[in-house]
Amino acid sequence: MQGTAEHAGDDVVLRFERHFAQPIERVWAAISEPAQLTKWIAGDDAEVELRVGGRVWFAGHGGIESTVVDLDPQHLIEYGWRTSDWEGGTIRWELSENDGGTKLVFTHRFPEPDPAEQERLMKKMGFGPEMYDAVPRNLAGWHALLDALDRSLGTHVPEIEWTDIHRIYVAALSDS
């Protein structure tokens, strides 16, 4: 259930694989329908136009504003993940049927972070030096959001403090 990080050229690629007991149609709705997205990721409001080139907008996370770049309904959606402060690359949701449930492969690909820019951004957001490294910070964030997705689907997933998840990723990355 833990995510991984690897470097691919000038990019960082975060990857998670999750299995859900719910059918693919239900998981697809949770990751693509605005009313479902507001329950676990998008904040108070969201817009997703399910077509390549369609608008993606989330009120939460500093205001995500992007477009759909790849789409295969019920199986795949990929769109940009950027705010006014950060060009956050793309996120990709790939779904497949798996033993009566659904397998999700989630990836977030973003440009290798500039340490000075990350420091500026984190200071602006009120975070200290422990948050300057974008890789464990984003791994922890996606881990927590994927747990929230699982809970939104009705699965009992214990809530773990984000800072505790972050510490786990910092330790895991320093061991590798």
N, C-alpha and C. Protein backbone atom coordinates (compact mmCIF):
# COMPACT_ATOMS: atom_id res chain seq x y z
N MET A 1 0.81 -1.20 0.00
CA MET A 1 0.00 0.00 0.00
C MET A 1 0.86 1.26 0.00
N GLN A 2 2.13 1.16 0.37
CA GLN A 2 2.99 2.33 0.34
C GLN A 2 3.34 2.70 -1.09
N GLY A 3 3.53 3.98 -1.31
CA GLY A 3 3.92 4.46 -2.62
C GLY A 3 5.42 4.37 -2.82
N THR A 4 5.81 4.48 -4.08
CA THR A 4 7.23 4.46 -4.42
C THR A 4 7.56 5.73 -5.21
N ALA A 5 8.85 6.05 -5.23
CA ALA A 5 9.32 7.20 -6.00
C ALA A 5 10.52 6.77 -6.81
N GLU A 6 10.56 7.19 -8.05
CA GLU A 6 11.73 6.94 -8.88
C GLU A 6 11.98 8.17 -9.75
N HIS A 7 13.21 8.28 -10.18
CA HIS A 7 13.58 9.38 -11.08
C HIS A 7 13.57 8.84 -12.50
N ALA A 8 12.94 9.60 -13.39
CA ALA A 8 12.85 9.23 -14.81
C ALA A 8 13.27 10.45 -15.62
N GLY A 9 14.53 10.47 -16.01
CA GLY A 9 15.05 11.65 -16.71
C GLY A 9 15.03 12.83 -15.78
N ASP A 10 14.37 13.91 -16.20
CA ASP A 10 14.28 15.12 -15.38
C ASP A 10 13.03 15.14 -14.50
N ASP A 11 12.34 14.02 -14.41
CA ASP A 11 11.09 13.95 -13.66
C ASP A 11 11.22 13.01 -12.46
N VAL A 12 10.29 13.19 -11.53
CA VAL A 12 10.07 12.27 -10.43
C VAL A 12 8.73 11.60 -10.70
N VAL A 13 8.66 10.29 -10.50
CA VAL A 13 7.41 9.55 -10.70
C VAL A 13 7.05 8.86 -9.39
N LEU A 14 5.92 9.26 -8.83
CA LEU A 14 5.38 8.61 -7.64
C LEU A 14 4.36 7.59 -8.12
N ARG A 15 4.34 6.42 -7.48
CA ARG A 15 3.43 5.34 -7.93
C ARG A 15 2.82 4.64 -6.73
N PHE A 16 1.52 4.43 -6.82
CA PHE A 16 0.77 3.69 -5.81
C PHE A 16 -0.06 2.64 -6.52
N GLU A 17 -0.23 1.51 -5.88
CA GLU A 17 -1.14 0.48 -6.36
C GLU A 17 -2.08 0.16 -5.20
N ARG A 18 -3.37 0.24 -5.47
CA ARG A 18 -4.37 -0.05 -4.45
C ARG A 18 -5.40 -1.01 -5.03
N HIS A 19 -5.99 -1.80 -4.15
CA HIS A 19 -7.06 -2.72 -4.53
C HIS A 19 -8.31 -2.34 -3.74
N PHE A 20 -9.42 -2.23 -4.43
CA PHE A 20 -10.69 -1.87 -3.81
C PHE A 20 -11.69 -3.02 -4.00
N ALA A 21 -12.52 -3.27 -3.00
CA ALA A 21 -13.53 -4.32 -3.09
C ALA A 21 -14.67 -3.91 -4.02
N GLN A 22 -14.82 -2.62 -4.26
CA GLN A 22 -15.94 -2.11 -5.05
C GLN A 22 -15.70 -2.34 -6.54
N PRO A 23 -16.80 -2.42 -7.31
CA PRO A 23 -16.67 -2.60 -8.76
C PRO A 23 -16.07 -1.38 -9.44
N ILE A 24 -15.52 -1.58 -10.60
CA ILE A 24 -14.81 -0.53 -11.33
C ILE A 24 -15.70 0.69 -11.58
N GLU A 25 -16.99 0.50 -11.83
CA GLU A 25 -17.89 1.63 -12.08
C GLU A 25 -17.95 2.56 -10.87
N ARG A 26 -17.95 1.98 -9.69
CA ARG A 26 -18.04 2.79 -8.47
C ARG A 26 -16.72 3.54 -8.22
N VAL A 27 -15.61 2.89 -8.44
CA VAL A 27 -14.32 3.55 -8.25
C VAL A 27 -14.15 4.65 -9.31
N TRP A 28 -14.54 4.35 -10.54
CA TRP A 28 -14.47 5.36 -11.61
C TRP A 28 -15.27 6.60 -11.23
N ALA A 29 -16.48 6.41 -10.73
CA ALA A 29 -17.30 7.55 -10.33
C ALA A 29 -16.59 8.37 -9.25
N ALA A 30 -15.94 7.69 -8.31
CA ALA A 30 -15.27 8.39 -7.21
C ALA A 30 -14.09 9.23 -7.68
N ILE A 31 -13.45 8.84 -8.78
CA ILE A 31 -12.28 9.59 -9.27
C ILE A 31 -12.60 10.53 -10.43
N SER A 32 -13.85 10.51 -10.92
CA SER A 32 -14.15 11.32 -12.10
C SER A 32 -15.39 12.21 -11.99
N GLU A 33 -16.26 11.95 -11.04
CA GLU A 33 -17.48 12.75 -10.92
C GLU A 33 -17.30 13.83 -9.86
N PRO A 34 -17.55 15.08 -10.23
CA PRO A 34 -17.33 16.18 -9.28
C PRO A 34 -18.00 15.98 -7.92
N ALA A 35 -19.23 15.50 -7.89
CA ALA A 35 -19.91 15.31 -6.61
C ALA A 35 -19.20 14.28 -5.74
N GLN A 36 -18.56 13.30 -6.35
CA GLN A 36 -17.80 12.30 -5.60
C GLN A 36 -16.43 12.85 -5.20
N LEU A 37 -15.79 13.58 -6.11
CA LEU A 37 -14.46 14.14 -5.84
C LEU A 37 -14.46 15.10 -4.65
N THR A 38 -15.57 15.83 -4.47
CA THR A 38 -15.62 16.78 -3.35
C THR A 38 -15.67 16.07 -2.01
N LYS A 39 -15.95 14.78 -2.00
CA LYS A 39 -16.00 14.03 -0.74
C LYS A 39 -14.61 13.67 -0.21
N TRP A 40 -13.60 13.68 -1.11
CA TRP A 40 -12.31 13.19 -0.62
C TRP A 40 -11.08 13.92 -1.16
N ILE A 41 -11.17 14.68 -2.25
CA ILE A 41 -9.95 15.29 -2.80
C ILE A 41 -10.11 16.74 -3.23
N ALA A 42 -11.25 17.13 -3.75
CA ALA A 42 -11.37 18.38 -4.49
C ALA A 42 -11.70 19.61 -3.65
N GLY A 43 -11.97 19.45 -2.38
CA GLY A 43 -12.42 20.59 -1.60
C GLY A 43 -13.91 20.78 -1.80
N ASP A 44 -14.37 22.02 -1.68
CA ASP A 44 -15.80 22.31 -1.72
C ASP A 44 -16.43 22.27 -3.10
N ASP A 45 -15.61 22.34 -4.15
CA ASP A 45 -16.17 22.42 -5.50
C ASP A 45 -15.20 21.79 -6.49
N ALA A 46 -15.76 21.24 -7.56
CA ALA A 46 -14.93 20.60 -8.59
C ALA A 46 -15.65 20.65 -9.92
N GLU A 47 -14.85 20.57 -10.97
CA GLU A 47 -15.37 20.44 -12.32
C GLU A 47 -14.45 19.50 -13.08
N VAL A 48 -15.03 18.52 -13.76
CA VAL A 48 -14.25 17.61 -14.59
C VAL A 48 -15.06 17.37 -15.86
N GLU A 49 -14.51 17.79 -17.00
CA GLU A 49 -15.14 17.52 -18.29
C GLU A 49 -14.48 16.28 -18.85
N LEU A 50 -15.23 15.19 -18.93
CA LEU A 50 -14.67 13.90 -19.32
C LEU A 50 -14.49 13.80 -20.83
N ARG A 51 -13.48 14.53 -21.30
CA ARG A 51 -13.04 14.48 -22.70
C ARG A 51 -11.61 14.99 -22.74
N VAL A 52 -10.82 14.50 -23.68
CA VAL A 52 -9.46 15.01 -23.83
C VAL A 52 -9.56 16.51 -24.14
N GLY A 53 -8.83 17.30 -23.40
CA GLY A 53 -8.91 18.75 -23.51
C GLY A 53 -9.92 19.36 -22.56
N GLY A 54 -10.72 18.52 -21.88
CA GLY A 54 -11.73 19.01 -20.95
C GLY A 54 -11.11 19.64 -19.71
N ARG A 55 -11.84 20.56 -19.14
CA ARG A 55 -11.38 21.29 -17.96
C ARG A 55 -11.41 20.41 -16.72
N VAL A 56 -10.37 20.56 -15.89
CA VAL A 56 -10.31 19.96 -14.55
C VAL A 56 -10.04 21.10 -13.59
N TRP A 57 -10.89 21.27 -12.62
CA TRP A 57 -10.73 22.32 -11.64
C TRP A 57 -11.19 21.82 -10.28
N PHE A 58 -10.33 21.98 -9.28
CA PHE A 58 -10.65 21.63 -7.90
C PHE A 58 -10.44 22.87 -7.04
N ALA A 59 -11.38 23.14 -6.14
CA ALA A 59 -11.22 24.28 -5.23
C ALA A 59 -10.10 24.04 -4.23
N GLY A 60 -9.92 22.79 -3.80
CA GLY A 60 -8.92 22.46 -2.79
C GLY A 60 -7.51 22.38 -3.35
N HIS A 61 -6.54 22.16 -2.46
CA HIS A 61 -5.12 21.98 -2.81
C HIS A 61 -4.53 23.21 -3.48
N GLY A 62 -4.97 24.38 -3.08
CA GLY A 62 -4.44 25.60 -3.67
C GLY A 62 -5.07 25.94 -5.00
N GLY A 63 -6.16 25.28 -5.36
CA GLY A 63 -6.85 25.56 -6.62
C GLY A 63 -6.20 24.86 -7.80
N ILE A 64 -6.58 23.64 -8.06
CA ILE A 64 -6.05 22.88 -9.19
C ILE A 64 -6.77 23.34 -10.45
N GLU A 65 -6.02 23.72 -11.47
CA GLU A 65 -6.58 24.17 -12.75
C GLU A 65 -5.82 23.46 -13.85
N SER A 66 -6.53 22.63 -14.65
CA SER A 66 -5.83 21.83 -15.65
C SER A 66 -6.79 21.37 -16.73
N THR A 67 -6.27 20.44 -17.56
CA THR A 67 -7.09 19.82 -18.60
C THR A 67 -6.80 18.32 -18.63
N VAL A 68 -7.78 17.58 -19.12
CA VAL A 68 -7.64 16.14 -19.32
C VAL A 68 -6.71 15.92 -20.51
N VAL A 69 -5.68 15.09 -20.34
CA VAL A 69 -4.74 14.82 -21.43
C VAL A 69 -4.86 13.40 -21.98
N ASP A 70 -5.49 12.50 -21.22
CA ASP A 70 -5.71 11.13 -21.69
C ASP A 70 -6.96 10.60 -21.01
N LEU A 71 -7.76 9.84 -21.75
CA LEU A 71 -9.02 9.36 -21.21
C LEU A 71 -9.46 8.09 -21.90
N ASP A 72 -9.83 7.12 -21.10
CA ASP A 72 -10.49 5.89 -21.54
C ASP A 72 -11.53 5.61 -20.46
N PRO A 73 -12.77 6.09 -20.65
CA PRO A 73 -13.77 6.01 -19.59
C PRO A 73 -13.84 4.63 -18.94
N GLN A 74 -13.97 4.67 -17.62
CA GLN A 74 -14.01 3.51 -16.73
C GLN A 74 -12.63 2.90 -16.49
N HIS A 75 -11.61 3.33 -17.25
CA HIS A 75 -10.30 2.69 -17.11
C HIS A 75 -9.14 3.65 -16.89
N LEU A 76 -9.20 4.87 -17.42
CA LEU A 76 -8.04 5.74 -17.32
C LEU A 76 -8.45 7.20 -17.46
N ILE A 77 -7.88 8.02 -16.59
CA ILE A 77 -7.96 9.46 -16.75
C ILE A 77 -6.63 10.04 -16.28
N GLU A 78 -6.11 10.97 -17.08
CA GLU A 78 -4.87 11.66 -16.74
C GLU A 78 -5.07 13.15 -16.98
N TYR A 79 -4.60 13.95 -16.03
CA TYR A 79 -4.72 15.40 -16.17
C TYR A 79 -3.59 16.08 -15.41
N GLY A 80 -3.41 17.35 -15.71
CA GLY A 80 -2.38 18.12 -15.04
C GLY A 80 -2.72 18.36 -13.58
N TRP A 81 -1.68 18.60 -12.79
CA TRP A 81 -1.84 18.87 -11.36
C TRP A 81 -1.03 20.12 -11.04
N ARG A 82 -1.62 21.27 -11.35
CA ARG A 82 -0.89 22.51 -11.13
C ARG A 82 -1.76 23.52 -10.40
N THR A 83 -1.06 24.34 -9.65
CA THR A 83 -1.70 25.44 -8.93
C THR A 83 -1.03 26.73 -9.41
N SER A 84 -1.45 27.84 -8.87
CA SER A 84 -0.82 29.10 -9.24
C SER A 84 0.62 29.16 -8.74
N ASP A 85 0.96 28.30 -7.75
CA ASP A 85 2.30 28.31 -7.17
C ASP A 85 3.21 27.18 -7.66
N TRP A 86 2.64 26.15 -8.29
CA TRP A 86 3.46 24.98 -8.59
C TRP A 86 3.00 24.30 -9.88
N GLU A 87 3.94 24.05 -10.77
CA GLU A 87 3.67 23.25 -11.97
C GLU A 87 3.88 21.81 -11.56
N GLY A 88 2.82 21.18 -11.12
CA GLY A 88 2.90 19.87 -10.48
C GLY A 88 2.83 18.67 -11.39
N GLY A 89 3.07 18.84 -12.69
CA GLY A 89 3.10 17.69 -13.59
C GLY A 89 1.73 17.13 -13.88
N THR A 90 1.65 15.80 -13.98
CA THR A 90 0.38 15.14 -14.30
C THR A 90 0.11 14.01 -13.31
N ILE A 91 -1.18 13.75 -13.11
CA ILE A 91 -1.58 12.58 -12.33
C ILE A 91 -2.38 11.66 -13.24
N ARG A 92 -2.23 10.37 -13.02
CA ARG A 92 -2.84 9.36 -13.88
C ARG A 92 -3.49 8.29 -13.02
N TRP A 93 -4.75 8.02 -13.30
CA TRP A 93 -5.53 7.00 -12.60
C TRP A 93 -5.82 5.89 -13.60
N GLU A 94 -5.33 4.69 -13.35
CA GLU A 94 -5.58 3.55 -14.23
C GLU A 94 -6.34 2.50 -13.43
N LEU A 95 -7.52 2.10 -13.93
CA LEU A 95 -8.37 1.12 -13.25
C LEU A 95 -8.49 -0.14 -14.09
N SER A 96 -8.51 -1.28 -13.40
CA SER A 96 -8.79 -2.55 -14.07
C SER A 96 -9.58 -3.43 -13.10
N GLU A 97 -10.40 -4.30 -13.67
CA GLU A 97 -11.17 -5.23 -12.83
C GLU A 97 -10.22 -6.24 -12.24
N ASN A 98 -10.50 -6.62 -10.98
CA ASN A 98 -9.60 -7.52 -10.28
C ASN A 98 -10.37 -8.30 -9.23
N ASP A 99 -10.59 -9.58 -9.47
CA ASP A 99 -11.25 -10.47 -8.49
C ASP A 99 -12.55 -9.88 -7.94
N GLY A 100 -13.41 -9.38 -8.80
CA GLY A 100 -14.68 -8.83 -8.37
C GLY A 100 -14.58 -7.41 -7.84
N GLY A 101 -13.37 -6.89 -7.75
CA GLY A 101 -13.15 -5.53 -7.28
C GLY A 101 -12.40 -4.75 -8.34
N THR A 102 -11.62 -3.80 -7.88
CA THR A 102 -10.91 -2.91 -8.79
C THR A 102 -9.47 -2.72 -8.34
N LYS A 103 -8.57 -2.77 -9.30
CA LYS A 103 -7.16 -2.44 -9.07
C LYS A 103 -6.94 -1.03 -9.59
N LEU A 104 -6.32 -0.20 -8.78
CA LEU A 104 -5.96 1.16 -9.16
C LEU A 104 -4.45 1.27 -9.19
N VAL A 105 -3.92 1.78 -10.29
CA VAL A 105 -2.52 2.19 -10.36
C VAL A 105 -2.54 3.70 -10.54
N PHE A 106 -2.00 4.39 -9.56
CA PHE A 106 -1.98 5.84 -9.56
C PHE A 106 -0.54 6.31 -9.72
N THR A 107 -0.31 7.25 -10.63
CA THR A 107 1.02 7.83 -10.77
C THR A 107 0.92 9.36 -10.80
N HIS A 108 1.92 9.97 -10.22
CA HIS A 108 2.07 11.43 -10.26
C HIS A 108 3.47 11.69 -10.78
N ARG A 109 3.54 12.29 -11.94
CA ARG A 109 4.82 12.60 -12.59
C ARG A 109 4.99 14.11 -12.58
N PHE A 110 6.12 14.57 -12.03
CA PHE A 110 6.35 16.01 -11.97
C PHE A 110 7.83 16.31 -12.18
N PRO A 111 8.14 17.52 -12.65
CA PRO A 111 9.53 17.90 -12.87
C PRO A 111 10.33 17.83 -11.56
N GLU A 112 11.58 17.44 -11.68
CA GLU A 112 12.47 17.40 -10.51
C GLU A 112 12.36 18.75 -9.79
N PRO A 113 11.99 18.72 -8.51
CA PRO A 113 11.77 19.98 -7.80
C PRO A 113 13.05 20.78 -7.60
N ASP A 114 12.92 22.08 -7.72
CA ASP A 114 14.01 23.01 -7.43
C ASP A 114 13.99 23.26 -5.92
N PRO A 115 15.05 22.89 -5.20
CA PRO A 115 15.05 23.04 -3.74
C PRO A 115 14.74 24.46 -3.26
N ALA A 116 15.27 25.47 -3.92
CA ALA A 116 15.00 26.85 -3.50
C ALA A 116 13.53 27.19 -3.68
N GLU A 117 12.94 26.74 -4.78
CA GLU A 117 11.52 26.99 -5.03
C GLU A 117 10.65 26.25 -4.02
N GLN A 118 11.03 25.02 -3.68
CA GLN A 118 10.28 24.26 -2.68
C GLN A 118 10.35 24.94 -1.32
N GLU A 119 11.53 25.45 -0.97
CA GLU A 119 11.68 26.16 0.30
C GLU A 119 10.77 27.39 0.31
N ARG A 120 10.77 28.16 -0.78
CA ARG A 120 9.92 29.36 -0.86
C ARG A 120 8.45 29.00 -0.72
N LEU A 121 8.02 27.96 -1.43
CA LEU A 121 6.63 27.53 -1.40
C LEU A 121 6.22 27.06 -0.01
N MET A 122 7.06 26.27 0.63
CA MET A 122 6.72 25.75 1.95
C MET A 122 6.70 26.87 3.00
N LYS A 123 7.62 27.81 2.90
CA LYS A 123 7.60 28.95 3.81
C LYS A 123 6.31 29.74 3.62
N LYS A 124 5.91 29.95 2.38
CA LYS A 124 4.68 30.67 2.08
C LYS A 124 3.47 29.97 2.71
N MET A 125 3.52 28.63 2.75
CA MET A 125 2.42 27.84 3.30
C MET A 125 2.56 27.64 4.81
N GLY A 126 3.64 28.17 5.40
CA GLY A 126 3.81 28.08 6.85
C GLY A 126 4.48 26.82 7.34
N PHE A 127 5.15 26.07 6.45
CA PHE A 127 5.82 24.85 6.85
C PHE A 127 7.31 25.09 7.06
N GLY A 128 7.91 24.26 7.91
CA GLY A 128 9.33 24.36 8.20
C GLY A 128 10.16 23.49 7.29
N PRO A 129 11.47 23.43 7.56
CA PRO A 129 12.42 22.72 6.70
C PRO A 129 12.12 21.22 6.50
N GLU A 130 11.43 20.60 7.44
CA GLU A 130 11.11 19.18 7.29
C GLU A 130 10.20 18.91 6.10
N MET A 131 9.57 19.96 5.56
CA MET A 131 8.65 19.80 4.43
C MET A 131 9.24 20.27 3.11
N TYR A 132 10.48 20.72 3.10
CA TYR A 132 11.07 21.27 1.88
C TYR A 132 11.25 20.22 0.78
N ASP A 133 11.45 18.96 1.15
CA ASP A 133 11.65 17.90 0.15
C ASP A 133 10.29 17.47 -0.41
N ALA A 134 10.07 17.76 -1.67
CA ALA A 134 8.77 17.51 -2.30
C ALA A 134 8.43 16.03 -2.44
N VAL A 135 9.43 15.15 -2.51
CA VAL A 135 9.13 13.74 -2.76
C VAL A 135 8.42 13.09 -1.58
N PRO A 136 8.99 13.09 -0.36
CA PRO A 136 8.24 12.47 0.74
C PRO A 136 6.96 13.23 1.06
N ARG A 137 6.98 14.55 0.88
CA ARG A 137 5.78 15.33 1.15
C ARG A 137 4.64 14.92 0.23
N ASN A 138 4.93 14.75 -1.06
CA ASN A 138 3.88 14.35 -2.00
C ASN A 138 3.50 12.89 -1.84
N LEU A 139 4.45 12.02 -1.55
CA LEU A 139 4.10 10.62 -1.26
C LEU A 139 3.13 10.55 -0.09
N ALA A 140 3.43 11.28 0.97
CA ALA A 140 2.55 11.27 2.15
C ALA A 140 1.17 11.85 1.80
N GLY A 141 1.18 12.92 1.02
CA GLY A 141 -0.09 13.52 0.64
C GLY A 141 -0.97 12.58 -0.16
N TRP A 142 -0.37 11.93 -1.17
CA TRP A 142 -1.16 11.01 -1.99
C TRP A 142 -1.58 9.78 -1.19
N HIS A 143 -0.71 9.32 -0.31
CA HIS A 143 -1.07 8.18 0.54
C HIS A 143 -2.33 8.51 1.35
N ALA A 144 -2.32 9.68 1.98
CA ALA A 144 -3.47 10.10 2.77
C ALA A 144 -4.72 10.28 1.90
N LEU A 145 -4.56 10.85 0.72
CA LEU A 145 -5.71 11.04 -0.17
C LEU A 145 -6.25 9.71 -0.69
N LEU A 146 -5.39 8.76 -0.98
CA LEU A 146 -5.87 7.46 -1.43
C LEU A 146 -6.58 6.72 -0.30
N ASP A 147 -6.12 6.90 0.94
CA ASP A 147 -6.86 6.37 2.09
C ASP A 147 -8.23 7.02 2.17
N ALA A 148 -8.30 8.34 1.93
CA ALA A 148 -9.58 9.05 1.94
C ALA A 148 -10.50 8.55 0.83
N LEU A 149 -9.93 8.26 -0.34
CA LEU A 149 -10.71 7.68 -1.43
C LEU A 149 -11.31 6.35 -0.98
N ASP A 150 -10.49 5.52 -0.38
CA ASP A 150 -10.97 4.22 0.11
C ASP A 150 -12.11 4.40 1.12
N ARG A 151 -11.96 5.35 2.04
CA ARG A 151 -13.02 5.62 3.01
C ARG A 151 -14.28 6.12 2.31
N SER A 152 -14.12 6.96 1.27
CA SER A 152 -15.29 7.49 0.55
C SER A 152 -16.07 6.38 -0.14
N LEU A 153 -15.38 5.27 -0.42
CA LEU A 153 -16.03 4.11 -1.04
C LEU A 153 -16.66 3.19 0.00
N GLY A 154 -16.54 3.54 1.27
CA GLY A 154 -17.18 2.77 2.33
C GLY A 154 -16.29 1.76 3.03
N THR A 155 -15.01 1.78 2.75
CA THR A 155 -14.08 0.86 3.39
C THR A 155 -13.60 1.47 4.69
N HIS A 156 -13.48 0.66 5.73
CA HIS A 156 -12.93 1.16 6.99
C HIS A 156 -11.41 1.17 6.88
N VAL A 157 -10.87 2.36 6.77
CA VAL A 157 -9.42 2.56 6.72
C VAL A 157 -9.09 3.48 7.89
N PRO A 158 -8.23 3.04 8.80
CA PRO A 158 -7.91 3.90 9.94
C PRO A 158 -7.30 5.23 9.47
N GLU A 159 -7.69 6.29 10.16
CA GLU A 159 -7.11 7.60 9.83
C GLU A 159 -5.79 7.75 10.56
N ILE A 160 -4.76 8.05 9.80
CA ILE A 160 -3.43 8.27 10.35
C ILE A 160 -3.07 9.72 10.08
N GLU A 161 -2.52 10.38 11.06
CA GLU A 161 -2.11 11.76 10.88
C GLU A 161 -1.15 11.89 9.70
N TRP A 162 -1.35 12.92 8.89
CA TRP A 162 -0.50 13.14 7.73
C TRP A 162 0.96 13.26 8.14
N THR A 163 1.23 13.92 9.25
CA THR A 163 2.62 14.09 9.68
C THR A 163 3.26 12.74 10.01
N ASP A 164 2.47 11.79 10.52
CA ASP A 164 3.00 10.45 10.80
C ASP A 164 3.30 9.71 9.49
N ILE A 165 2.42 9.86 8.51
CA ILE A 165 2.67 9.24 7.20
C ILE A 165 3.92 9.86 6.59
N HIS A 166 4.06 11.16 6.70
CA HIS A 166 5.23 11.86 6.16
C HIS A 166 6.52 11.32 6.78
N ARG A 167 6.52 11.13 8.11
CA ARG A 167 7.71 10.60 8.78
C ARG A 167 8.08 9.22 8.25
N ILE A 168 7.08 8.40 7.96
CA ILE A 168 7.33 7.05 7.42
C ILE A 168 8.03 7.15 6.07
N TYR A 169 7.54 8.05 5.20
CA TYR A 169 8.15 8.21 3.88
C TYR A 169 9.56 8.82 3.96
N VAL A 170 9.75 9.78 4.85
CA VAL A 170 11.07 10.36 5.02
C VAL A 170 12.05 9.25 5.42
N ALA A 171 11.65 8.42 6.39
CA ALA A 171 12.52 7.32 6.83
C ALA A 171 12.75 6.31 5.73
N ALA A 172 11.71 5.95 5.00
CA ALA A 172 11.85 4.96 3.92
C ALA A 172 12.78 5.46 2.83
N LEU A 173 12.67 6.73 2.48
CA LEU A 173 13.52 7.28 1.42
C LEU A 173 14.97 7.44 1.88
N SER A 174 15.17 7.71 3.16
CA SER A 174 16.55 7.85 3.64
C SER A 174 17.22 6.50 3.75
N ASP A 175 16.43 5.41 3.88
CA ASP A 175 16.99 4.05 3.93
C ASP A 175 17.35 3.51 2.55
N SER A 176 16.78 4.11 1.50
CA SER A 176 17.02 3.57 0.15
C SER A 176 18.19 4.18 -0.54
